């Protein structure tokens, strides 16, 4: 039975993530910021929605940053970061005039900018909200059973660019090419919302529950 901790630092509707995990077979899902529950979990999900300054303040106040680092480096658990959870892993974000993030993955979170256009010259709105294709840029167990260029659901005004391009596992194009997924060791991070992405998103969550990074 897989026990999953969804780290709760007060940002976003985390129960939709929990419900999706339960739907695809998680035995126990705990939405929590309690250290004991996070340490006892087999897998950790690090989601987030909202302004990065507020998110980082709560992450640090509740010491979720320390718990996340412990899960990644000491306990070596599978960790899935989602949306602002992904952005928080980077070094710094341009949002709110510039905010230092966790620097777990060196890189920047950048604003899409204005004006923004697609390849046909059509004006694109920011935030990027809705369905977009994700191009799988390297093989990974979390892509198992998901066709390349499947569509996932996005809501964001800022995009991720990791310094180490070898970490990119998926790319999106919305006026600029950006990192839709990053992977390193026991960490997988996505800009999209798998819990809102129907078949492909549920398959990714199912793959996360089965993922053994040690193999």
Protein backbone atom coordinates (compact mmCIF):
# COMPACT_ATOMS: atom_id res chain seq x y z
CA UNK A 1 0.00 0.00 0.00
CA UNK A 2 1.48 3.32 -1.12
CA UNK A 3 1.34 6.15 1.41
CA UNK A 4 1.59 9.57 -0.27
CA UNK A 5 2.13 12.90 1.46
CA UNK A 6 0.89 15.99 -0.37
CA UNK A 7 2.79 18.89 1.18
CA UNK A 8 0.32 21.54 2.34
CA UNK A 9 1.66 25.06 2.85
CA UNK A 10 -1.73 26.68 2.36
CA UNK A 11 -1.54 27.45 -1.37
CA UNK A 12 -4.04 25.91 -3.78
CA UNK A 13 -6.75 23.29 -3.77
CA UNK A 14 -4.63 20.33 -2.80
CA UNK A 15 -7.58 18.02 -2.32
CA UNK A 16 -8.04 17.73 -6.10
CA UNK A 17 -4.50 16.34 -6.25
CA UNK A 18 -5.27 13.99 -3.36
CA UNK A 19 -8.49 12.78 -5.00
CA UNK A 20 -6.69 12.08 -8.28
CA UNK A 21 -3.99 10.10 -6.46
CA UNK A 22 -6.63 8.05 -4.66
CA UNK A 23 -8.41 7.47 -7.98
CA UNK A 24 -5.30 5.94 -9.56
CA UNK A 25 -4.59 3.64 -6.63
CA UNK A 26 -2.77 5.37 -3.77
CA UNK A 27 -3.55 3.50 -0.56
CA UNK A 28 -3.29 6.51 1.75
CA UNK A 29 -3.02 10.17 0.84
CA UNK A 30 -2.25 12.73 3.53
CA UNK A 31 -2.54 16.44 2.76
CA UNK A 32 -0.24 17.73 5.45
CA UNK A 33 2.61 19.95 6.61
CA UNK A 34 3.34 17.70 9.60
CA UNK A 35 6.92 16.51 9.59
CA UNK A 36 6.11 13.05 10.95
CA UNK A 37 3.52 12.34 8.24
CA UNK A 38 5.79 13.55 5.45
CA UNK A 39 8.73 11.51 6.74
CA UNK A 40 6.54 8.41 7.08
CA UNK A 41 5.21 8.63 3.51
CA UNK A 42 6.50 6.41 0.71
CA UNK A 43 6.17 9.23 -1.84
CA UNK A 44 5.88 13.01 -1.68
CA UNK A 45 3.95 15.44 -3.87
CA UNK A 46 4.92 19.12 -3.78
CA UNK A 47 2.16 21.16 -5.48
CA UNK A 48 1.35 24.84 -5.41
CA UNK A 49 -0.78 27.65 -6.80
CA UNK A 50 -0.39 31.38 -6.24
CA UNK A 51 2.17 34.16 -6.07
CA UNK A 52 5.69 32.86 -5.54
CA UNK A 53 6.57 35.36 -2.79
CA UNK A 54 3.66 34.19 -0.64
CA UNK A 55 4.40 30.56 -1.45
CA UNK A 56 8.08 30.84 -0.51
CA UNK A 57 7.23 32.65 2.73
CA UNK A 58 4.90 29.85 3.82
CA UNK A 59 7.22 27.08 2.61
CA UNK A 60 10.00 28.49 4.80
CA UNK A 61 7.78 29.39 7.76
CA UNK A 62 6.43 25.84 7.94
CA UNK A 63 9.90 24.38 7.22
CA UNK A 64 8.53 22.53 4.23
CA UNK A 65 11.78 23.33 2.43
CA UNK A 66 13.74 21.26 4.96
CA UNK A 67 11.25 18.39 4.74
CA UNK A 68 11.43 18.44 0.95
CA UNK A 69 15.23 18.39 0.94
CA UNK A 70 15.20 15.51 3.40
CA UNK A 71 12.79 13.52 1.21
CA UNK A 72 14.97 14.15 -1.84
CA UNK A 73 18.48 13.68 -0.48
CA UNK A 74 18.32 11.75 2.79
CA UNK A 75 15.33 9.46 2.42
CA UNK A 76 15.61 9.33 -1.37
CA UNK A 77 11.85 9.10 -1.88
CA UNK A 78 10.12 9.64 -5.22
CA UNK A 79 9.02 13.29 -5.31
CA UNK A 80 6.61 14.90 -7.79
CA UNK A 81 6.48 18.71 -7.95
CA UNK A 82 3.53 20.40 -9.66
CA UNK A 83 3.07 23.93 -11.07
CA UNK A 84 4.32 26.50 -8.51
CA UNK A 85 5.88 23.55 -6.67
CA UNK A 86 8.05 23.10 -9.76
CA UNK A 87 8.86 26.82 -9.95
CA UNK A 88 9.84 26.89 -6.27
CA UNK A 89 12.58 24.34 -6.97
CA UNK A 90 14.47 26.80 -9.18
CA UNK A 91 17.04 29.38 -8.06
CA UNK A 92 15.04 32.55 -8.59
CA UNK A 93 11.77 33.82 -10.02
CA UNK A 94 11.10 37.12 -11.79
CA UNK A 95 7.65 37.26 -10.18
CA UNK A 96 6.91 39.91 -7.52
CA UNK A 97 9.97 41.91 -8.52
CA UNK A 98 12.31 38.96 -8.03
CA UNK A 99 12.15 36.22 -5.39
CA UNK A 100 14.81 33.77 -4.28
CA UNK A 101 13.53 30.19 -4.47
CA UNK A 102 14.91 26.89 -3.16
CA UNK A 103 17.81 26.50 -5.64
CA UNK A 104 17.33 22.73 -5.69
CA UNK A 105 17.49 22.95 -9.49
CA UNK A 106 19.69 25.83 -10.73
CA UNK A 107 17.75 27.99 -13.14
CA UNK A 108 15.28 30.82 -13.55
CA UNK A 109 11.52 31.31 -13.58
CA UNK A 110 10.77 33.95 -16.23
CA UNK A 111 7.75 35.99 -17.26
CA UNK A 112 6.33 35.19 -20.69
CA UNK A 113 6.50 38.87 -21.59
CA UNK A 114 4.33 41.06 -23.77
CA UNK A 115 3.43 41.03 -26.60
CA UNK A 116 3.49 37.26 -27.04
CA UNK A 117 2.69 35.55 -30.37
CA UNK A 118 2.48 32.01 -31.71
CA UNK A 119 4.24 30.77 -34.85
CA UNK A 120 1.37 32.06 -37.01
CA UNK A 121 1.66 35.55 -35.54
CA UNK A 122 -1.49 35.26 -33.45
CA UNK A 123 -1.48 37.12 -30.14
CA UNK A 124 -1.24 34.86 -27.09
CA UNK A 125 -2.77 35.71 -23.73
CA UNK A 126 -0.93 35.66 -20.43
CA UNK A 127 -1.54 33.80 -18.19
CA UNK A 128 -1.15 30.69 -20.30
CA UNK A 129 -4.37 28.96 -19.30
CA UNK A 130 -5.69 25.82 -20.94
CA UNK A 131 -4.52 22.79 -22.89
CA UNK A 132 -1.15 22.55 -24.60
CA UNK A 133 0.98 19.82 -26.08
CA UNK A 134 3.98 18.52 -24.18
CA UNK A 135 6.85 17.21 -26.25
CA UNK A 136 8.75 14.47 -24.43
CA UNK A 137 12.40 15.41 -24.78
CA UNK A 138 13.79 12.28 -23.15
CA UNK A 139 12.54 8.93 -21.98
CA UNK A 140 11.38 8.62 -18.39
CA UNK A 141 9.25 6.10 -16.45
CA UNK A 142 6.63 8.78 -15.77
CA UNK A 143 5.95 9.03 -19.52
CA UNK A 144 5.10 5.31 -19.70
CA UNK A 145 1.85 4.81 -21.63
CA UNK A 146 1.56 8.53 -22.50
CA UNK A 147 1.91 9.33 -26.22
CA UNK A 148 4.39 12.04 -27.17
CA UNK A 149 2.74 15.44 -27.71
CA UNK A 150 -0.15 14.58 -25.41
CA UNK A 151 -2.08 17.58 -24.16
CA UNK A 152 -1.98 18.68 -20.52
CA UNK A 153 -3.70 21.49 -18.63
CA UNK A 154 -1.67 24.60 -17.74
CA UNK A 155 -2.29 27.73 -15.66
CA UNK A 156 0.76 30.00 -15.35
CA UNK A 157 2.18 33.41 -16.20
CA UNK A 158 5.81 32.44 -15.63
CA UNK A 159 7.85 29.65 -17.18
CA UNK A 160 10.82 27.56 -16.09
CA UNK A 161 14.24 27.44 -17.71
CA UNK A 162 16.72 25.11 -15.97
CA UNK A 163 20.42 25.84 -16.39
CA UNK A 164 21.25 22.18 -17.03
CA UNK A 165 19.41 21.41 -20.26
CA UNK A 166 19.92 17.68 -19.73
CA UNK A 167 17.32 17.87 -16.94
CA UNK A 168 14.53 18.75 -19.34
CA UNK A 169 12.14 15.81 -19.74
CA UNK A 170 9.34 17.68 -21.49
CA UNK A 171 8.94 20.94 -23.40
CA UNK A 172 6.03 23.24 -24.16
CA UNK A 173 5.76 26.04 -26.67
CA UNK A 174 3.74 29.14 -25.90
CA UNK A 175 5.43 31.92 -27.80
CA UNK A 176 8.68 30.69 -26.26
CA UNK A 177 9.88 27.15 -25.62
CA UNK A 178 9.86 26.34 -21.92
CA UNK A 179 10.45 23.42 -19.60
CA UNK A 180 7.19 21.52 -19.11
CA UNK A 181 8.89 18.75 -17.13
CA UNK A 182 12.24 18.34 -15.38
CA UNK A 183 13.71 15.11 -14.05
CA UNK A 184 16.70 14.37 -11.87
CA UNK A 185 17.27 11.20 -9.84
CA UNK A 186 14.19 10.73 -7.61
CA UNK A 187 12.61 14.08 -8.57
CA UNK A 188 10.11 14.73 -11.37
CA UNK A 189 8.63 18.20 -11.75
CA UNK A 190 5.88 19.41 -14.08
CA UNK A 191 4.52 22.86 -14.93
CA UNK A 192 1.09 21.48 -15.86
CA UNK A 193 -1.60 20.10 -13.57
CA UNK A 194 -1.79 16.31 -14.00
CA UNK A 195 -4.82 16.15 -11.71
CA UNK A 196 -6.72 18.33 -14.24
CA UNK A 197 -5.34 16.66 -17.37
CA UNK A 198 -7.75 13.75 -17.76
CA UNK A 199 -6.34 10.52 -19.21
CA UNK A 200 -2.73 11.61 -19.72
CA UNK A 201 -2.53 13.31 -16.34
CA UNK A 202 -4.00 10.35 -14.48
CA UNK A 203 -1.58 8.03 -16.26
CA UNK A 204 1.32 10.20 -15.12
CA UNK A 205 0.09 10.02 -11.51
CA UNK A 206 -0.34 6.26 -11.84
CA UNK A 207 3.21 6.02 -13.15
CA UNK A 208 4.42 8.10 -10.19
CA UNK A 209 2.90 5.60 -7.76
CA UNK A 210 4.74 2.76 -9.52
CA UNK A 211 8.03 4.58 -10.08
CA UNK A 212 11.15 3.13 -8.49
CA UNK A 213 13.99 5.62 -9.12
CA UNK A 214 16.56 3.13 -7.80
CA UNK A 215 15.98 0.85 -10.81
